[in-house]
């Protein structure tokens, strides 16, 4: 997935014409991790963790949307989790981690200004 762009999820509230763009940045992943979120828990504890994961997906573009609003969007407005949404959120969550191992086509680190020898 290194050179493949993962498209964000876009939710549209038709009553208010509000668009929500769901994706993750390094900051939003750190925000989630600092609160004890573990991506592996989504499959272990779906009743608890899917709503939490959904909330964190708002963080990158919609920091001021509170958890009770994201829960309402998920459970009332959307009526639950559509097929494929969790898989896409997992893909989006993984994107910021690619910067930790990003290499150019030639196998060299991109824009490396420091070398590491082992």
N, C-alpha and C. Protein backbone atom coordinates (compact mmCIF):
# COMPACT_ATOMS: atom_id res chain seq x y z
N UNK A 1 0.82 -1.18 0.00
CA UNK A 1 0.00 0.00 0.00
C UNK A 1 0.87 1.25 0.00
N UNK A 2 2.17 1.13 -0.03
CA UNK A 2 3.07 2.26 0.13
C UNK A 2 2.82 3.38 -0.87
N UNK A 3 2.58 3.08 -2.13
CA UNK A 3 2.37 4.12 -3.12
C UNK A 3 0.91 4.25 -3.52
N UNK A 4 0.03 3.54 -2.87
CA UNK A 4 -1.38 3.54 -3.19
C UNK A 4 -2.13 4.42 -2.20
N UNK A 5 -2.82 5.42 -2.69
CA UNK A 5 -3.57 6.34 -1.84
C UNK A 5 -4.85 5.68 -1.38
N UNK A 6 -5.08 5.69 -0.08
CA UNK A 6 -6.33 5.18 0.47
C UNK A 6 -7.28 6.35 0.59
N UNK A 7 -8.40 6.26 -0.10
CA UNK A 7 -9.36 7.36 -0.08
C UNK A 7 -10.05 7.43 1.28
N UNK A 8 -10.23 8.64 1.80
CA UNK A 8 -10.93 8.78 3.07
C UNK A 8 -12.41 8.42 2.92
N UNK A 9 -13.04 8.11 4.03
CA UNK A 9 -14.48 7.92 4.04
C UNK A 9 -15.11 9.30 4.13
N UNK A 10 -16.15 9.53 3.36
CA UNK A 10 -16.86 10.80 3.41
C UNK A 10 -18.32 10.50 3.77
N UNK A 11 -18.76 11.08 4.87
CA UNK A 11 -20.15 10.94 5.30
C UNK A 11 -20.86 12.25 5.04
N UNK A 12 -22.07 12.18 4.52
CA UNK A 12 -22.85 13.38 4.27
C UNK A 12 -24.15 13.30 5.05
N UNK A 13 -24.37 14.30 5.91
CA UNK A 13 -25.62 14.42 6.65
C UNK A 13 -26.57 15.19 5.74
N UNK A 14 -27.56 14.52 5.20
CA UNK A 14 -28.46 15.13 4.22
C UNK A 14 -29.41 16.14 4.85
N UNK A 15 -29.63 16.07 6.16
CA UNK A 15 -30.48 17.05 6.82
C UNK A 15 -29.79 18.41 6.93
N UNK A 16 -28.48 18.40 7.14
CA UNK A 16 -27.74 19.65 7.34
C UNK A 16 -26.74 19.95 6.22
N UNK A 17 -26.60 19.04 5.26
CA UNK A 17 -25.59 19.14 4.20
C UNK A 17 -24.17 19.23 4.76
N UNK A 18 -23.95 18.66 5.92
CA UNK A 18 -22.63 18.62 6.52
C UNK A 18 -21.89 17.40 6.00
N UNK A 19 -20.65 17.61 5.57
CA UNK A 19 -19.79 16.50 5.14
C UNK A 19 -18.75 16.26 6.22
N UNK A 20 -18.55 14.99 6.55
CA UNK A 20 -17.51 14.58 7.49
C UNK A 20 -16.51 13.73 6.72
N UNK A 21 -15.24 14.09 6.83
CA UNK A 21 -14.18 13.33 6.17
C UNK A 21 -13.46 12.53 7.25
N UNK A 22 -13.47 11.22 7.10
CA UNK A 22 -12.86 10.34 8.09
C UNK A 22 -11.56 9.77 7.55
N UNK A 23 -10.48 10.05 8.25
CA UNK A 23 -9.18 9.46 7.96
C UNK A 23 -8.27 9.74 9.15
N UNK A 24 -7.05 9.27 9.07
CA UNK A 24 -6.12 9.38 10.19
C UNK A 24 -4.82 10.06 9.77
N UNK A 25 -4.26 10.79 10.71
CA UNK A 25 -2.93 11.39 10.58
C UNK A 25 -2.09 10.86 11.73
N UNK A 26 -0.82 11.20 11.73
CA UNK A 26 0.02 10.79 12.87
C UNK A 26 -0.55 11.35 14.16
N UNK A 27 -1.01 12.59 14.13
CA UNK A 27 -1.56 13.22 15.33
C UNK A 27 -2.82 12.49 15.82
N UNK A 28 -3.70 12.13 14.90
CA UNK A 28 -4.94 11.48 15.33
C UNK A 28 -4.69 10.05 15.83
N UNK A 29 -3.71 9.37 15.25
CA UNK A 29 -3.35 8.04 15.75
C UNK A 29 -2.73 8.16 17.14
N UNK A 30 -1.85 9.14 17.32
CA UNK A 30 -1.25 9.36 18.65
C UNK A 30 -2.33 9.70 19.67
N UNK A 31 -3.29 10.52 19.28
CA UNK A 31 -4.41 10.87 20.16
C UNK A 31 -5.13 9.60 20.62
N UNK A 32 -5.41 8.71 19.69
CA UNK A 32 -6.09 7.45 20.01
C UNK A 32 -5.22 6.57 20.92
N UNK A 33 -3.95 6.43 20.56
CA UNK A 33 -3.05 5.58 21.35
C UNK A 33 -2.86 6.11 22.77
N UNK A 34 -2.79 7.42 22.91
CA UNK A 34 -2.63 8.02 24.24
C UNK A 34 -3.83 7.75 25.14
N UNK A 35 -4.93 7.40 24.54
CA UNK A 35 -6.14 7.07 25.30
C UNK A 35 -6.34 5.56 25.42
N UNK A 36 -5.30 4.81 25.10
CA UNK A 36 -5.33 3.36 25.27
C UNK A 36 -5.92 2.58 24.12
N UNK A 37 -6.17 3.23 22.99
CA UNK A 37 -6.74 2.52 21.85
C UNK A 37 -5.71 1.59 21.24
N UNK A 38 -6.13 0.36 20.96
CA UNK A 38 -5.30 -0.65 20.30
C UNK A 38 -6.11 -1.20 19.14
N UNK A 39 -5.62 -1.03 17.94
CA UNK A 39 -6.34 -1.46 16.74
C UNK A 39 -6.72 -2.93 16.79
N UNK A 40 -5.92 -3.75 17.46
CA UNK A 40 -6.21 -5.18 17.56
C UNK A 40 -7.44 -5.47 18.41
N UNK A 41 -7.82 -4.52 19.25
CA UNK A 41 -9.00 -4.71 20.10
C UNK A 41 -10.31 -4.55 19.34
N UNK A 42 -10.27 -3.98 18.15
CA UNK A 42 -11.51 -3.77 17.37
C UNK A 42 -12.18 -5.11 17.08
N UNK A 43 -11.39 -6.11 16.72
CA UNK A 43 -11.99 -7.42 16.43
C UNK A 43 -12.29 -8.21 17.71
N UNK A 44 -11.54 -7.94 18.78
CA UNK A 44 -11.78 -8.66 20.05
C UNK A 44 -13.00 -8.13 20.81
N UNK A 45 -13.19 -6.81 20.77
CA UNK A 45 -14.27 -6.17 21.53
C UNK A 45 -15.06 -5.24 20.62
N UNK A 46 -15.71 -5.78 19.61
CA UNK A 46 -16.37 -4.91 18.62
C UNK A 46 -17.46 -4.00 19.19
N UNK A 47 -18.21 -4.44 20.16
CA UNK A 47 -19.29 -3.62 20.70
C UNK A 47 -18.76 -2.34 21.33
N UNK A 48 -17.59 -2.41 21.92
CA UNK A 48 -16.97 -1.25 22.55
C UNK A 48 -16.07 -0.50 21.59
N UNK A 49 -15.25 -1.21 20.88
CA UNK A 49 -14.16 -0.59 20.13
C UNK A 49 -14.54 -0.02 18.77
N UNK A 50 -15.58 -0.53 18.13
CA UNK A 50 -15.95 0.02 16.82
C UNK A 50 -16.41 1.47 16.96
N UNK A 51 -17.23 1.76 17.96
CA UNK A 51 -17.69 3.14 18.16
C UNK A 51 -16.52 4.05 18.54
N UNK A 52 -15.60 3.54 19.33
CA UNK A 52 -14.42 4.31 19.71
C UNK A 52 -13.55 4.59 18.47
N UNK A 53 -13.33 3.58 17.66
CA UNK A 53 -12.55 3.71 16.42
C UNK A 53 -13.19 4.74 15.49
N UNK A 54 -14.49 4.67 15.35
CA UNK A 54 -15.25 5.60 14.53
C UNK A 54 -15.04 7.03 15.03
N UNK A 55 -15.10 7.23 16.33
CA UNK A 55 -14.87 8.55 16.93
C UNK A 55 -13.47 9.07 16.59
N UNK A 56 -12.45 8.23 16.73
CA UNK A 56 -11.08 8.66 16.45
C UNK A 56 -10.89 9.01 14.98
N UNK A 57 -11.66 8.40 14.09
CA UNK A 57 -11.55 8.70 12.66
C UNK A 57 -11.97 10.13 12.33
N UNK A 58 -12.75 10.74 13.20
CA UNK A 58 -13.16 12.14 13.01
C UNK A 58 -12.05 13.11 13.39
N UNK A 59 -11.12 12.69 14.21
CA UNK A 59 -10.13 13.58 14.83
C UNK A 59 -9.30 14.39 13.84
N UNK A 60 -8.92 13.83 12.73
CA UNK A 60 -8.03 14.52 11.80
C UNK A 60 -8.67 15.79 11.23
N UNK A 61 -9.93 15.72 10.85
CA UNK A 61 -10.59 16.85 10.20
C UNK A 61 -11.68 17.52 11.05
N UNK A 62 -12.13 16.85 12.09
CA UNK A 62 -13.27 17.36 12.86
C UNK A 62 -13.01 17.20 14.36
N UNK A 63 -11.99 17.87 14.85
CA UNK A 63 -11.57 17.74 16.25
C UNK A 63 -12.66 18.12 17.25
N UNK A 64 -13.57 18.97 16.84
CA UNK A 64 -14.59 19.46 17.78
C UNK A 64 -15.87 18.64 17.81
N UNK A 65 -15.91 17.56 17.05
CA UNK A 65 -17.10 16.70 17.07
C UNK A 65 -16.97 15.77 18.28
N UNK A 66 -17.88 15.89 19.25
CA UNK A 66 -17.78 15.07 20.46
C UNK A 66 -18.21 13.62 20.24
N UNK A 67 -17.81 12.79 21.18
CA UNK A 67 -18.09 11.36 21.09
C UNK A 67 -19.58 11.06 21.03
N UNK A 68 -20.40 11.79 21.79
CA UNK A 68 -21.84 11.50 21.74
C UNK A 68 -22.41 11.79 20.35
N UNK A 69 -21.85 12.76 19.64
CA UNK A 69 -22.30 13.06 18.27
C UNK A 69 -21.87 11.96 17.31
N UNK A 70 -20.63 11.47 17.44
CA UNK A 70 -20.19 10.39 16.54
C UNK A 70 -20.97 9.11 16.81
N UNK A 71 -21.29 8.84 18.08
CA UNK A 71 -22.13 7.68 18.40
C UNK A 71 -23.51 7.83 17.76
N UNK A 72 -24.07 9.02 17.81
CA UNK A 72 -25.39 9.26 17.22
C UNK A 72 -25.32 9.06 15.70
N UNK A 73 -24.29 9.58 15.08
CA UNK A 73 -24.13 9.39 13.63
C UNK A 73 -24.05 7.90 13.30
N UNK A 74 -23.23 7.17 14.05
CA UNK A 74 -23.03 5.74 13.78
C UNK A 74 -24.29 4.92 14.01
N UNK A 75 -24.90 5.08 15.18
CA UNK A 75 -26.00 4.19 15.55
C UNK A 75 -27.38 4.66 15.13
N UNK A 76 -27.60 5.97 15.04
CA UNK A 76 -28.92 6.47 14.68
C UNK A 76 -28.97 6.91 13.22
N UNK A 77 -28.10 7.85 12.86
CA UNK A 77 -28.14 8.40 11.51
C UNK A 77 -27.76 7.37 10.45
N UNK A 78 -26.72 6.59 10.70
CA UNK A 78 -26.30 5.57 9.74
C UNK A 78 -27.00 4.23 9.96
N UNK A 79 -27.49 4.02 11.16
CA UNK A 79 -28.17 2.76 11.46
C UNK A 79 -27.22 1.60 11.63
N UNK A 80 -25.96 1.87 11.94
CA UNK A 80 -24.98 0.82 12.15
C UNK A 80 -23.84 0.91 11.16
N UNK A 81 -23.04 -0.12 11.15
CA UNK A 81 -21.81 -0.16 10.35
C UNK A 81 -22.08 -0.78 8.98
N UNK A 82 -21.92 0.01 7.92
CA UNK A 82 -22.09 -0.57 6.58
C UNK A 82 -20.96 -1.53 6.22
N UNK A 83 -21.24 -2.47 5.35
CA UNK A 83 -20.22 -3.42 4.89
C UNK A 83 -19.01 -2.67 4.34
N UNK A 84 -17.84 -3.09 4.75
CA UNK A 84 -16.61 -2.53 4.24
C UNK A 84 -16.07 -1.33 5.02
N UNK A 85 -16.87 -0.75 5.90
CA UNK A 85 -16.43 0.45 6.59
C UNK A 85 -15.28 0.18 7.56
N UNK A 86 -15.35 -0.88 8.32
CA UNK A 86 -14.29 -1.18 9.29
C UNK A 86 -12.98 -1.47 8.55
N UNK A 87 -13.06 -2.22 7.46
CA UNK A 87 -11.87 -2.52 6.69
C UNK A 87 -11.22 -1.25 6.17
N UNK A 88 -12.03 -0.30 5.68
CA UNK A 88 -11.48 0.95 5.18
C UNK A 88 -10.88 1.77 6.32
N UNK A 89 -11.53 1.80 7.48
CA UNK A 89 -10.97 2.52 8.62
C UNK A 89 -9.62 1.93 9.03
N UNK A 90 -9.51 0.61 8.99
CA UNK A 90 -8.23 -0.04 9.32
C UNK A 90 -7.16 0.38 8.31
N UNK A 91 -7.51 0.41 7.04
CA UNK A 91 -6.55 0.86 6.01
C UNK A 91 -6.13 2.30 6.27
N UNK A 92 -7.09 3.15 6.57
CA UNK A 92 -6.80 4.56 6.83
C UNK A 92 -5.94 4.73 8.08
N UNK A 93 -6.20 3.91 9.08
CA UNK A 93 -5.43 3.97 10.33
C UNK A 93 -3.97 3.58 10.08
N UNK A 94 -3.75 2.70 9.12
CA UNK A 94 -2.41 2.20 8.82
C UNK A 94 -1.56 3.20 8.03
N UNK A 95 -2.18 4.11 7.32
CA UNK A 95 -1.45 5.04 6.45
C UNK A 95 -0.38 5.83 7.20
N UNK A 96 -0.65 6.43 8.35
CA UNK A 96 0.41 7.20 9.02
C UNK A 96 1.63 6.37 9.41
N UNK A 97 1.47 5.07 9.58
CA UNK A 97 2.59 4.21 9.95
C UNK A 97 3.57 4.02 8.80
N UNK A 98 3.11 4.22 7.56
CA UNK A 98 3.96 4.03 6.39
C UNK A 98 5.13 5.00 6.38
N UNK A 99 4.96 6.16 7.00
CA UNK A 99 6.05 7.13 7.04
C UNK A 99 7.25 6.60 7.82
N UNK A 100 7.02 5.66 8.71
CA UNK A 100 8.10 5.08 9.50
C UNK A 100 9.00 4.18 8.68
N UNK A 101 8.49 3.65 7.57
CA UNK A 101 9.30 2.73 6.76
C UNK A 101 9.27 3.08 5.28
N UNK A 102 8.92 4.28 4.94
CA UNK A 102 8.81 4.70 3.55
C UNK A 102 10.18 4.67 2.87
N UNK A 103 10.25 4.01 1.72
CA UNK A 103 11.48 3.96 0.94
C UNK A 103 11.15 4.34 -0.50
N UNK A 104 12.15 4.80 -1.20
CA UNK A 104 11.97 5.16 -2.61
C UNK A 104 11.95 3.89 -3.45
N UNK A 105 11.68 4.07 -4.76
CA UNK A 105 11.65 2.93 -5.66
C UNK A 105 12.98 2.20 -5.72
N UNK A 106 14.10 2.92 -5.50
CA UNK A 106 15.42 2.32 -5.52
C UNK A 106 15.78 1.63 -4.22
N UNK A 107 14.88 1.64 -3.24
CA UNK A 107 15.14 0.98 -1.97
C UNK A 107 15.81 1.87 -0.94
N UNK A 108 16.11 3.11 -1.31
CA UNK A 108 16.74 4.04 -0.38
C UNK A 108 15.67 4.86 0.33
N UNK A 109 15.92 5.26 1.57
CA UNK A 109 14.96 6.13 2.26
C UNK A 109 14.76 7.43 1.50
N UNK A 110 13.52 7.88 1.45
CA UNK A 110 13.22 9.14 0.76
C UNK A 110 13.77 10.31 1.57
N UNK A 111 14.40 11.24 0.86
CA UNK A 111 14.88 12.48 1.46
C UNK A 111 15.72 12.25 2.72
N UNK A 112 16.50 11.19 2.73
CA UNK A 112 17.30 10.87 3.92
C UNK A 112 18.40 11.89 4.11
N UNK A 113 18.45 12.49 5.29
CA UNK A 113 19.50 13.44 5.63
C UNK A 113 20.39 12.88 6.72
N UNK A 114 20.01 11.70 7.16
CA UNK A 114 20.78 10.99 8.20
C UNK A 114 20.86 9.54 7.78
N UNK A 115 22.03 8.94 7.93
CA UNK A 115 22.16 7.52 7.66
C UNK A 115 22.32 6.78 8.98
N UNK A 116 21.94 5.54 8.97
CA UNK A 116 22.03 4.69 10.16
C UNK A 116 22.86 3.48 9.81
N UNK A 117 23.85 3.20 10.60
CA UNK A 117 24.66 2.00 10.41
C UNK A 117 24.46 1.09 11.60
N UNK A 118 24.36 -0.21 11.32
CA UNK A 118 24.17 -1.19 12.38
C UNK A 118 25.43 -2.01 12.52
